[in-house]
Amino acid sequence: MKHRETEHSRDRQQQILYAIATYTKQHGYPPTVRDIAAEVGFKTPSAVRHQLDKLRDRGLVDWVDGAARTIRIVKEGAA
C-alpha cells in the first residue's frame, strides 16, 4: 500500500532541496547523504534516502547509483 505524502513530508523534502543547493554552492560539490542528514537534522541517513527517493520519483533530483557526491537538483526552481 502506498503512503500518501503529507505536508510534513513535503516540508522535509523542501528542506533537503535547500540543503543540497546550499551545500553545493558553498563547497563546489554535492553533499553526501550523511551531510544532508546533519544539515536537516535527521537522525539516520536512511530517513534522508527515503525522502531523496521520493524527490527522484518526482523528477526533482537525480544521482549516479553507487557513486558518492553525485546528488544534484535537476528541476530549476525546485529549491
PDB file of N, CA and C in Angstrom:
ATOM      1  N   MET A   1       0.840  -1.181   0.000  1.00  0.00           N
ATOM      2  CA  MET A   1       0.000   0.000   0.000  1.00  0.00           C
ATOM      3  C   MET A   1       0.887   1.246   0.000  1.00  0.00           C
ATOM      4  N   LYS A   2       0.612   2.180  -0.904  1.00  0.00           N
ATOM      5  CA  LYS A   2       1.376   3.412  -0.983  1.00  0.00           C
ATOM      6  C   LYS A   2       0.927   4.379   0.100  1.00  0.00           C
ATOM      7  N   HIS A   3       1.902   5.074   0.656  1.00  0.00           N
ATOM      8  CA  HIS A   3       1.583   6.090   1.654  1.00  0.00           C
ATOM      9  C   HIS A   3       1.384   7.425   0.960  1.00  0.00           C
ATOM     10  N   ARG A   4       0.402   8.146   1.435  1.00  0.00           N
ATOM     11  CA  ARG A   4       0.147   9.478   0.920  1.00  0.00           C
ATOM     12  C   ARG A   4       1.194  10.435   1.464  1.00  0.00           C
ATOM     13  N   GLU A   5       1.686  11.321   0.604  1.00  0.00           N
ATOM     14  CA  GLU A   5       2.641  12.306   1.085  1.00  0.00           C
ATOM     15  C   GLU A   5       1.902  13.339   1.910  1.00  0.00           C
ATOM     16  N   THR A   6       2.455  13.619   3.068  1.00  0.00           N
ATOM     17  CA  THR A   6       1.851  14.603   3.949  1.00  0.00           C
ATOM     18  C   THR A   6       2.519  15.951   3.750  1.00  0.00           C
ATOM     19  N   GLU A   7       1.920  16.959   4.315  1.00  0.00           N
ATOM     20  CA  GLU A   7       2.505  18.295   4.253  1.00  0.00           C
ATOM     21  C   GLU A   7       3.864  18.293   4.959  1.00  0.00           C
ATOM     22  N   HIS A   8       3.975  17.550   6.045  1.00  0.00           N
ATOM     23  CA  HIS A   8       5.238  17.438   6.778  1.00  0.00           C
ATOM     24  C   HIS A   8       6.313  16.830   5.883  1.00  0.00           C
ATOM     25  N   SER A   9       5.950  15.794   5.146  1.00  0.00           N
ATOM     26  CA  SER A   9       6.887  15.140   4.235  1.00  0.00           C
ATOM     27  C   SER A   9       7.350  16.113   3.150  1.00  0.00           C
ATOM     28  N   ARG A  10       6.441  16.877   2.611  1.00  0.00           N
ATOM     29  CA  ARG A  10       6.793  17.867   1.583  1.00  0.00           C
ATOM     30  C   ARG A  10       7.703  18.952   2.159  1.00  0.00           C
ATOM     31  N   ASP A  11       7.447  19.359   3.405  1.00  0.00           N
ATOM     32  CA  ASP A  11       8.305  20.348   4.062  1.00  0.00           C
ATOM     33  C   ASP A  11       9.720  19.800   4.223  1.00  0.00           C
ATOM     34  N   ARG A  12       9.835  18.545   4.620  1.00  0.00           N
ATOM     35  CA  ARG A  12      11.147  17.915   4.783  1.00  0.00           C
ATOM     36  C   ARG A  12      11.863  17.825   3.435  1.00  0.00           C
ATOM     37  N   GLN A  13      11.118  17.530   2.398  1.00  0.00           N
ATOM     38  CA  GLN A  13      11.711  17.463   1.065  1.00  0.00           C
ATOM     39  C   GLN A  13      12.227  18.835   0.642  1.00  0.00           C
ATOM     40  N   GLN A  14      11.489  19.885   0.956  1.00  0.00           N
ATOM     41  CA  GLN A  14      11.942  21.248   0.644  1.00  0.00           C
ATOM     42  C   GLN A  14      13.222  21.562   1.405  1.00  0.00           C
ATOM     43  N   GLN A  15      13.291  21.128   2.670  1.00  0.00           N
ATOM     44  CA  GLN A  15      14.499  21.336   3.462  1.00  0.00           C
ATOM     45  C   GLN A  15      15.689  20.616   2.825  1.00  0.00           C
ATOM     46  N   ILE A  16      15.457  19.418   2.337  1.00  0.00           N
ATOM     47  CA  ILE A  16      16.517  18.640   1.697  1.00  0.00           C
ATOM     48  C   ILE A  16      16.979  19.325   0.411  1.00  0.00           C
ATOM     49  N   LEU A  17      16.043  19.790  -0.396  1.00  0.00           N
ATOM     50  CA  LEU A  17      16.404  20.508  -1.621  1.00  0.00           C
ATOM     51  C   LEU A  17      17.236  21.745  -1.300  1.00  0.00           C
ATOM     52  N   TYR A  18      16.822  22.475  -0.287  1.00  0.00           N
ATOM     53  CA  TYR A  18      17.556  23.672   0.126  1.00  0.00           C
ATOM     54  C   TYR A  18      18.954  23.295   0.611  1.00  0.00           C
ATOM     55  N   ALA A  19      19.061  22.215   1.382  1.00  0.00           N
ATOM     56  CA  ALA A  19      20.354  21.762   1.898  1.00  0.00           C
ATOM     57  C   ALA A  19      21.282  21.367   0.756  1.00  0.00           C
ATOM     58  N   ILE A  20      20.758  20.678  -0.237  1.00  0.00           N
ATOM     59  CA  ILE A  20      21.572  20.278  -1.385  1.00  0.00           C
ATOM     60  C   ILE A  20      22.082  21.518  -2.126  1.00  0.00           C
ATOM     61  N   ALA A  21      21.186  22.454  -2.402  1.00  0.00           N
ATOM     62  CA  ALA A  21      21.559  23.667  -3.135  1.00  0.00           C
ATOM     63  C   ALA A  21      22.579  24.494  -2.360  1.00  0.00           C
ATOM     64  N   THR A  22      22.346  24.677  -1.074  1.00  0.00           N
ATOM     65  CA  THR A  22      23.237  25.479  -0.239  1.00  0.00           C
ATOM     66  C   THR A  22      24.610  24.836  -0.107  1.00  0.00           C
ATOM     67  N   TYR A  23      24.636  23.543   0.187  1.00  0.00           N
ATOM     68  CA  TYR A  23      25.901  22.835   0.349  1.00  0.00           C
ATOM     69  C   TYR A  23      26.719  22.888  -0.945  1.00  0.00           C
ATOM     70  N   THR A  24      26.055  22.628  -2.061  1.00  0.00           N
ATOM     71  CA  THR A  24      26.744  22.621  -3.351  1.00  0.00           C
ATOM     72  C   THR A  24      27.320  24.000  -3.660  1.00  0.00           C
ATOM     73  N   LYS A  25      26.560  25.031  -3.370  1.00  0.00           N
ATOM     74  CA  LYS A  25      27.031  26.399  -3.628  1.00  0.00           C
ATOM     75  C   LYS A  25      28.222  26.739  -2.723  1.00  0.00           C
ATOM     76  N   GLN A  26      28.173  26.345  -1.465  1.00  0.00           N
ATOM     77  CA  GLN A  26      29.232  26.672  -0.513  1.00  0.00           C
ATOM     78  C   GLN A  26      30.523  25.894  -0.763  1.00  0.00           C
ATOM     79  N   HIS A  27      30.387  24.621  -1.144  1.00  0.00           N
ATOM     80  CA  HIS A  27      31.554  23.749  -1.246  1.00  0.00           C
ATOM     81  C   HIS A  27      32.015  23.478  -2.680  1.00  0.00           C
ATOM     82  N   GLY A  28      31.159  23.727  -3.642  1.00  0.00           N
ATOM     83  CA  GLY A  28      31.532  23.485  -5.030  1.00  0.00           C
ATOM     84  C   GLY A  28      31.321  22.050  -5.483  1.00  0.00           C
ATOM     85  N   TYR A  29      30.763  21.230  -4.632  1.00  0.00           N
ATOM     86  CA  TYR A  29      30.439  19.835  -4.956  1.00  0.00           C
ATOM     87  C   TYR A  29      29.245  19.415  -4.107  1.00  0.00           C
ATOM     88  N   PRO A  30      28.515  18.383  -4.539  1.00  0.00           N
ATOM     89  CA  PRO A  30      27.294  17.981  -3.841  1.00  0.00           C
ATOM     90  C   PRO A  30      27.564  17.332  -2.474  1.00  0.00           C
ATOM     91  N   PRO A  31      26.578  17.364  -1.607  1.00  0.00           N
ATOM     92  CA  PRO A  31      26.707  16.736  -0.293  1.00  0.00           C
ATOM     93  C   PRO A  31      26.514  15.226  -0.366  1.00  0.00           C
ATOM     94  N   THR A  32      26.967  14.546   0.669  1.00  0.00           N
ATOM     95  CA  THR A  32      26.649  13.130   0.829  1.00  0.00           C
ATOM     96  C   THR A  32      25.298  13.036   1.544  1.00  0.00           C
ATOM     97  N   VAL A  33      24.763  11.842   1.597  1.00  0.00           N
ATOM     98  CA  VAL A  33      23.506  11.639   2.328  1.00  0.00           C
ATOM     99  C   VAL A  33      23.709  11.990   3.805  1.00  0.00           C
ATOM    100  N   ARG A  34      24.853  11.652   4.357  1.00  0.00           N
ATOM    101  CA  ARG A  34      25.144  11.995   5.757  1.00  0.00           C
ATOM    102  C   ARG A  34      25.248  13.507   5.959  1.00  0.00           C
ATOM    103  N   ASP A  35      25.831  14.206   5.001  1.00  0.00           N
ATOM    104  CA  ASP A  35      25.888  15.667   5.074  1.00  0.00           C
ATOM    105  C   ASP A  35      24.482  16.257   5.124  1.00  0.00           C
ATOM    106  N   ILE A  36      23.610  15.735   4.283  1.00  0.00           N
ATOM    107  CA  ILE A  36      22.223  16.219   4.247  1.00  0.00           C
ATOM    108  C   ILE A  36      21.534  15.910   5.575  1.00  0.00           C
ATOM    109  N   ALA A  37      21.740  14.711   6.090  1.00  0.00           N
ATOM    110  CA  ALA A  37      21.127  14.334   7.375  1.00  0.00           C
ATOM    111  C   ALA A  37      21.547  15.305   8.473  1.00  0.00           C
ATOM    112  N   ALA A  38      22.830  15.644   8.524  1.00  0.00           N
ATOM    113  CA  ALA A  38      23.321  16.569   9.543  1.00  0.00           C
ATOM    114  C   ALA A  38      22.722  17.962   9.359  1.00  0.00           C
ATOM    115  N   GLU A  39      22.609  18.401   8.125  1.00  0.00           N
ATOM    116  CA  GLU A  39      22.086  19.739   7.842  1.00  0.00           C
ATOM    117  C   GLU A  39      20.603  19.861   8.180  1.00  0.00           C
ATOM    118  N   VAL A  40      19.837  18.833   7.863  1.00  0.00           N
ATOM    119  CA  VAL A  40      18.385  18.883   8.023  1.00  0.00           C
ATOM    120  C   VAL A  40      17.950  18.424   9.417  1.00  0.00           C
ATOM    121  N   GLY A  41      18.829  17.687  10.108  1.00  0.00           N
ATOM    122  CA  GLY A  41      18.502  17.242  11.455  1.00  0.00           C
ATOM    123  C   GLY A  41      17.892  15.851  11.522  1.00  0.00           C
ATOM    124  N   PHE A  42      18.095  15.050  10.476  1.00  0.00           N
ATOM    125  CA  PHE A  42      17.622  13.666  10.506  1.00  0.00           C
ATOM    126  C   PHE A  42      18.596  12.852  11.341  1.00  0.00           C
ATOM    127  N   LYS A  43      18.088  11.874  12.047  1.00  0.00           N
ATOM    128  CA  LYS A  43      18.934  11.042  12.892  1.00  0.00           C
ATOM    129  C   LYS A  43      19.656   9.954  12.103  1.00  0.00           C
ATOM    130  N   THR A  44      19.075   9.518  10.992  1.00  0.00           N
ATOM    131  CA  THR A  44      19.689   8.437  10.217  1.00  0.00           C
ATOM    132  C   THR A  44      19.746   8.799   8.734  1.00  0.00           C
ATOM    133  N   PRO A  45      20.784   8.349   8.044  1.00  0.00           N
ATOM    134  CA  PRO A  45      20.860   8.565   6.600  1.00  0.00           C
ATOM    135  C   PRO A  45      19.715   7.886   5.851  1.00  0.00           C
ATOM    136  N   SER A  46      19.181   6.797   6.399  1.00  0.00           N
ATOM    137  CA  SER A  46      18.092   6.104   5.705  1.00  0.00           C
ATOM    138  C   SER A  46      16.841   6.975   5.608  1.00  0.00           C
ATOM    139  N   ALA A  47      16.628   7.846   6.583  1.00  0.00           N
ATOM    140  CA  ALA A  47      15.482   8.763   6.527  1.00  0.00           C
ATOM    141  C   ALA A  47      15.664   9.760   5.381  1.00  0.00           C
ATOM    142  N   VAL A  48      16.900  10.217   5.196  1.00  0.00           N
ATOM    143  CA  VAL A  48      17.200  11.125   4.081  1.00  0.00           C
ATOM    144  C   VAL A  48      17.014  10.380   2.765  1.00  0.00           C
ATOM    145  N   ARG A  49      17.531   9.175   2.712  1.00  0.00           N
ATOM    146  CA  ARG A  49      17.444   8.378   1.482  1.00  0.00           C
ATOM    147  C   ARG A  49      15.987   8.167   1.066  1.00  0.00           C
ATOM    148  N   HIS A  50      15.129   7.917   2.034  1.00  0.00           N
ATOM    149  CA  HIS A  50      13.702   7.735   1.752  1.00  0.00           C
ATOM    150  C   HIS A  50      13.125   8.992   1.079  1.00  0.00           C
ATOM    151  N   GLN A  51      13.450  10.151   1.624  1.00  0.00           N
ATOM    152  CA  GLN A  51      12.945  11.401   1.045  1.00  0.00           C
ATOM    153  C   GLN A  51      13.599  11.686  -0.309  1.00  0.00           C
ATOM    154  N   LEU A  52      14.885  11.352  -0.452  1.00  0.00           N
ATOM    155  CA  LEU A  52      15.548  11.524  -1.742  1.00  0.00           C
ATOM    156  C   LEU A  52      14.908  10.653  -2.816  1.00  0.00           C
ATOM    157  N   ASP A  53      14.539   9.434  -2.449  1.00  0.00           N
ATOM    158  CA  ASP A  53      13.856   8.561  -3.405  1.00  0.00           C
ATOM    159  C   ASP A  53      12.545   9.186  -3.875  1.00  0.00           C
ATOM    160  N   LYS A  54      11.815   9.805  -2.946  1.00  0.00           N
ATOM    161  CA  LYS A  54      10.558  10.473  -3.314  1.00  0.00           C
ATOM    162  C   LYS A  54      10.835  11.668  -4.233  1.00  0.00           C
ATOM    163  N   LEU A  55      11.887  12.424  -3.914  1.00  0.00           N
ATOM    164  CA  LEU A  55      12.250  13.562  -4.761  1.00  0.00           C
ATOM    165  C   LEU A  55      12.681  13.104  -6.146  1.00  0.00           C
ATOM    166  N   ARG A  56      13.378  11.986  -6.206  1.00  0.00           N
ATOM    167  CA  ARG A  56      13.799  11.437  -7.502  1.00  0.00           C
ATOM    168  C   ARG A  56      12.578  10.994  -8.304  1.00  0.00           C
ATOM    169  N   ASP A  57      11.628  10.344  -7.641  1.00  0.00           N
ATOM    170  CA  ASP A  57      10.394   9.914  -8.310  1.00  0.00           C
ATOM    171  C   ASP A  57       9.631  11.108  -8.875  1.00  0.00           C
ATOM    172  N   ARG A  58       9.711  12.240  -8.206  1.00  0.00           N
ATOM    173  CA  ARG A  58       9.029  13.453  -8.654  1.00  0.00           C
ATOM    174  C   ARG A  58       9.838  14.198  -9.727  1.00  0.00           C
ATOM    175  N   GLY A  59      11.055  13.723 -10.017  1.00  0.00           N
ATOM    176  CA  GLY A  59      11.888  14.344 -11.044  1.00  0.00           C
ATOM    177  C   GLY A  59      12.604  15.595 -10.597  1.00  0.00           C
ATOM    178  N   LEU A  60      12.777  15.771  -9.289  1.00  0.00           N
ATOM    179  CA  LEU A  60      13.411  16.975  -8.769  1.00  0.00           C
ATOM    180  C   LEU A  60      14.904  16.819  -8.521  1.00  0.00           C
ATOM    181  N   VAL A  61      15.345  15.606  -8.210  1.00  0.00           N
ATOM    182  CA  VAL A  61      16.765  15.341  -8.002  1.00  0.00           C
ATOM    183  C   VAL A  61      17.162  14.071  -8.748  1.00  0.00           C
ATOM    184  N   ASP A  62      18.463  13.916  -8.925  1.00  0.00           N
ATOM    185  CA  ASP A  62      18.982  12.686  -9.515  1.00  0.00           C
ATOM    186  C   ASP A  62      20.389  12.473  -8.993  1.00  0.00           C
ATOM    187  N   TRP A  63      20.921  11.272  -9.190  1.00  0.00           N
ATOM    188  CA  TRP A  63      22.278  10.931  -8.793  1.00  0.00           C
ATOM    189  C   TRP A  63      22.706   9.698  -9.559  1.00  0.00           C
ATOM    190  N   VAL A  64      23.995   9.419  -9.517  1.00  0.00           N
ATOM    191  CA  VAL A  64      24.541   8.220 -10.133  1.00  0.00           C
ATOM    192  C   VAL A  64      24.534   7.142  -9.060  1.00  0.00           C
ATOM    193  N   ASP A  65      23.790   6.071  -9.297  1.00  0.00           N
ATOM    194  CA  ASP A  65      23.714   4.990  -8.314  1.00  0.00           C
ATOM    195  C   ASP A  65      25.097   4.430  -8.030  1.00  0.00           C
ATOM    196  N   GLY A  66      25.405   4.298  -6.748  1.00  0.00           N
ATOM    197  CA  GLY A  66      26.671   3.706  -6.333  1.00  0.00           C
ATOM    198  C   GLY A  66      27.852   4.660  -6.314  1.00  0.00           C
ATOM    199  N   ALA A  67      27.659   5.902  -6.708  1.00  0.00           N
ATOM    200  CA  ALA A  67      28.747   6.880  -6.716  1.00  0.00           C
ATOM    201  C   ALA A  67      28.502   7.946  -5.652  1.00  0.00           C
ATOM    202  N   ALA A  68      29.564   8.345  -4.982  1.00  0.00           N
ATOM    203  CA  ALA A  68      29.457   9.354  -3.926  1.00  0.00           C
ATOM    204  C   ALA A  68      29.376  10.757  -4.516  1.00  0.00           C
ATOM    205  N   ARG A  69      28.697  11.617  -3.800  1.00  0.00           N
ATOM    206  CA  ARG A  69      28.610  13.050  -4.116  1.00  0.00           C
ATOM    207  C   ARG A  69      28.136  13.348  -5.528  1.00  0.00           C
ATOM    208  N   THR A  70      27.081  12.661  -5.950  1.00  0.00           N
ATOM    209  CA  THR A  70      26.532  12.926  -7.281  1.00  0.00           C
ATOM    210  C   THR A  70      25.096  13.441  -7.223  1.00  0.00           C
ATOM    211  N   ILE A  71      24.590  13.693  -6.025  1.00  0.00           N
ATOM    212  CA  ILE A  71      23.217  14.192  -5.887  1.00  0.00           C
ATOM    213  C   ILE A  71      23.149  15.599  -6.480  1.00  0.00           C
ATOM    214  N   ARG A  72      22.173  15.799  -7.358  1.00  0.00           N
ATOM    215  CA  ARG A  72      22.006  17.131  -7.951  1.00  0.00           C
ATOM    216  C   ARG A  72      20.526  17.426  -8.143  1.00  0.00           C
ATOM    217  N   ILE A  73      20.220  18.692  -8.090  1.00  0.00           N
ATOM    218  CA  ILE A  73      18.861  19.154  -8.355  1.00  0.00           C
ATOM    219  C   ILE A  73      18.718  19.283  -9.866  1.00  0.00           C
ATOM    220  N   VAL A  74      17.685  18.670 -10.418  1.00  0.00           N
ATOM    221  CA  VAL A  74      17.536  18.672 -11.869  1.00  0.00           C
ATOM    222  C   VAL A  74      16.411  19.561 -12.366  1.00  0.00           C
ATOM    223  N   LYS A  75      15.522  19.953 -11.507  1.00  0.00           N
ATOM    224  CA  LYS A  75      14.413  20.809 -11.934  1.00  0.00           C
ATOM    225  C   LYS A  75      14.651  22.217 -11.418  1.00  0.00           C
ATOM    226  N   GLU A  76      14.804  23.166 -12.324  1.00  0.00           N
ATOM    227  CA  GLU A  76      15.033  24.544 -11.944  1.00  0.00           C
ATOM    228  C   GLU A  76      13.902  25.047 -11.051  1.00  0.00           C
ATOM    229  N   GLY A  77      14.268  25.811 -10.056  1.00  0.00           N
ATOM    230  CA  GLY A  77      13.282  26.374  -9.149  1.00  0.00           C
ATOM    231  C   GLY A  77      12.815  25.404  -8.087  1.00  0.00           C
ATOM    232  N   ALA A  78      13.378  24.204  -8.044  1.00  0.00           N
ATOM    233  CA  ALA A  78      12.951  23.211  -7.052  1.00  0.00           C
ATOM    234  C   ALA A  78      13.395  23.603  -5.655  1.00  0.00           C
ATOM    235  N   ALA A  79      14.524  24.268  -5.547  1.00  0.00           N
ATOM    236  CA  ALA A  79      14.997  24.653  -4.221  1.00  0.00           C
ATOM    237  C   ALA A  79      14.507  26.008  -3.943  1.00  0.00           C
TER     238      ALA A  79
END
